[in-house]
């Protein structure tokens, strides 16, 4: 996870999990201004293999940030 991702997690007001085709989840953050950011590493957006892993990665840097699935409706 990049340093920018860690800072963005700390500043986020919402985090949603977005399912990816290969069975993992990406984490999209939203800030107070409405801007969005996908949690990334040096190779680009991170696709976590399990929902629990994605939630743990976010909560490690912001324990008060709720992490839920992105609604589809």
C-alpha atoms as a PDB file:
ATOM      1  CA  UNK A   1       0.000   0.000   0.000  1.00  0.00           C
ATOM      2  CA  UNK A   2       1.377   3.395  -0.945  1.00  0.00           C
ATOM      3  CA  UNK A   3       1.924   6.217   1.531  1.00  0.00           C
ATOM      4  CA  UNK A   4      -0.727   8.204  -0.363  1.00  0.00           C
ATOM      5  CA  UNK A   5      -3.234   5.400   0.152  1.00  0.00           C
ATOM      6  CA  UNK A   6      -2.546   5.387   3.896  1.00  0.00           C
ATOM      7  CA  UNK A   7      -3.060   9.157   4.143  1.00  0.00           C
ATOM      8  CA  UNK A   8      -6.252   8.943   2.093  1.00  0.00           C
ATOM      9  CA  UNK A   9      -7.611   6.179   4.338  1.00  0.00           C
ATOM     10  CA  UNK A  10      -7.035   8.398   7.374  1.00  0.00           C
ATOM     11  CA  UNK A  11      -8.880  11.285   5.685  1.00  0.00           C
ATOM     12  CA  UNK A  12     -11.733   9.265   4.151  1.00  0.00           C
ATOM     13  CA  UNK A  13     -15.341   9.547   5.292  1.00  0.00           C
ATOM     14  CA  UNK A  14     -16.474   6.429   3.433  1.00  0.00           C
ATOM     15  CA  UNK A  15     -14.891   3.240   2.132  1.00  0.00           C
ATOM     16  CA  UNK A  16     -16.656   0.832  -0.196  1.00  0.00           C
ATOM     17  CA  UNK A  17     -15.594  -2.577  -1.439  1.00  0.00           C
ATOM     18  CA  UNK A  18     -15.953  -3.098  -5.159  1.00  0.00           C
ATOM     19  CA  UNK A  19     -16.010  -6.732  -6.355  1.00  0.00           C
ATOM     20  CA  UNK A  20     -13.598  -7.488  -9.196  1.00  0.00           C
ATOM     21  CA  UNK A  21     -14.001 -10.174 -11.833  1.00  0.00           C
ATOM     22  CA  UNK A  22     -11.371 -12.553 -10.430  1.00  0.00           C
ATOM     23  CA  UNK A  23     -13.129 -12.818  -7.072  1.00  0.00           C
ATOM     24  CA  UNK A  24     -11.348 -10.138  -5.079  1.00  0.00           C
ATOM     25  CA  UNK A  25     -12.254  -6.669  -3.848  1.00  0.00           C
ATOM     26  CA  UNK A  26     -10.862  -3.203  -4.457  1.00  0.00           C
ATOM     27  CA  UNK A  27     -11.345  -0.448  -1.880  1.00  0.00           C
ATOM     28  CA  UNK A  28     -12.654   2.912  -3.056  1.00  0.00           C
ATOM     29  CA  UNK A  29     -12.446   5.824  -0.632  1.00  0.00           C
ATOM     30  CA  UNK A  30     -14.514   9.011  -0.602  1.00  0.00           C
ATOM     31  CA  UNK A  31     -13.369  12.213   1.058  1.00  0.00           C
ATOM     32  CA  UNK A  32     -15.365  15.087   2.525  1.00  0.00           C
ATOM     33  CA  UNK A  33     -15.154  16.986  -0.764  1.00  0.00           C
ATOM     34  CA  UNK A  34     -16.706  14.041  -2.631  1.00  0.00           C
ATOM     35  CA  UNK A  35     -13.486  13.027  -4.367  1.00  0.00           C
ATOM     36  CA  UNK A  36     -12.721   9.324  -4.704  1.00  0.00           C
ATOM     37  CA  UNK A  37      -9.517   7.299  -4.598  1.00  0.00           C
ATOM     38  CA  UNK A  38      -8.818   3.585  -5.047  1.00  0.00           C
ATOM     39  CA  UNK A  39      -6.351   2.101  -2.547  1.00  0.00           C
ATOM     40  CA  UNK A  40      -3.169   1.286  -4.470  1.00  0.00           C
ATOM     41  CA  UNK A  41       0.339  -0.089  -4.280  1.00  0.00           C
ATOM     42  CA  UNK A  42       3.311   0.608  -6.544  1.00  0.00           C
ATOM     43  CA  UNK A  43       1.713  -1.472  -9.333  1.00  0.00           C
ATOM     44  CA  UNK A  44      -1.692   0.247  -9.240  1.00  0.00           C
ATOM     45  CA  UNK A  45      -5.031  -0.460  -7.534  1.00  0.00           C
ATOM     46  CA  UNK A  46      -4.930  -3.343  -5.057  1.00  0.00           C
ATOM     47  CA  UNK A  47      -7.324  -6.260  -5.528  1.00  0.00           C
ATOM     48  CA  UNK A  48      -7.595  -7.993  -2.146  1.00  0.00           C
ATOM     49  CA  UNK A  49      -8.369 -11.703  -2.330  1.00  0.00           C
ATOM     50  CA  UNK A  50     -10.983 -11.659   0.426  1.00  0.00           C
ATOM     51  CA  UNK A  51     -13.444  -9.165   1.889  1.00  0.00           C
ATOM     52  CA  UNK A  52     -11.979  -9.615   5.370  1.00  0.00           C
ATOM     53  CA  UNK A  53      -8.471  -8.829   4.122  1.00  0.00           C
ATOM     54  CA  UNK A  54      -9.644  -5.615   2.463  1.00  0.00           C
ATOM     55  CA  UNK A  55     -11.498  -4.501   5.610  1.00  0.00           C
ATOM     56  CA  UNK A  56      -8.489  -5.267   7.810  1.00  0.00           C
ATOM     57  CA  UNK A  57      -6.162  -3.280   5.547  1.00  0.00           C
ATOM     58  CA  UNK A  58      -8.383  -0.196   5.843  1.00  0.00           C
ATOM     59  CA  UNK A  59      -9.107  -0.528   9.563  1.00  0.00           C
ATOM     60  CA  UNK A  60      -5.373  -0.791  10.299  1.00  0.00           C
ATOM     61  CA  UNK A  61      -5.055   2.865   9.237  1.00  0.00           C
ATOM     62  CA  UNK A  62      -8.488   4.200  10.281  1.00  0.00           C
ATOM     63  CA  UNK A  63     -10.327   2.044  12.799  1.00  0.00           C
ATOM     64  CA  UNK A  64     -13.391   4.305  12.842  1.00  0.00           C
ATOM     65  CA  UNK A  65     -13.984   4.192   9.073  1.00  0.00           C
ATOM     66  CA  UNK A  66     -16.892   1.885   8.136  1.00  0.00           C
ATOM     67  CA  UNK A  67     -16.104  -0.425   5.223  1.00  0.00           C
ATOM     68  CA  UNK A  68     -19.091  -1.869   3.335  1.00  0.00           C
ATOM     69  CA  UNK A  69     -19.899  -3.345  -0.024  1.00  0.00           C
ATOM     70  CA  UNK A  70     -20.757  -0.827  -2.700  1.00  0.00           C
ATOM     71  CA  UNK A  71     -24.534  -0.833  -3.267  1.00  0.00           C
ATOM     72  CA  UNK A  72     -25.730  -2.122  -6.622  1.00  0.00           C
ATOM     73  CA  UNK A  73     -29.136  -0.396  -6.563  1.00  0.00           C
END
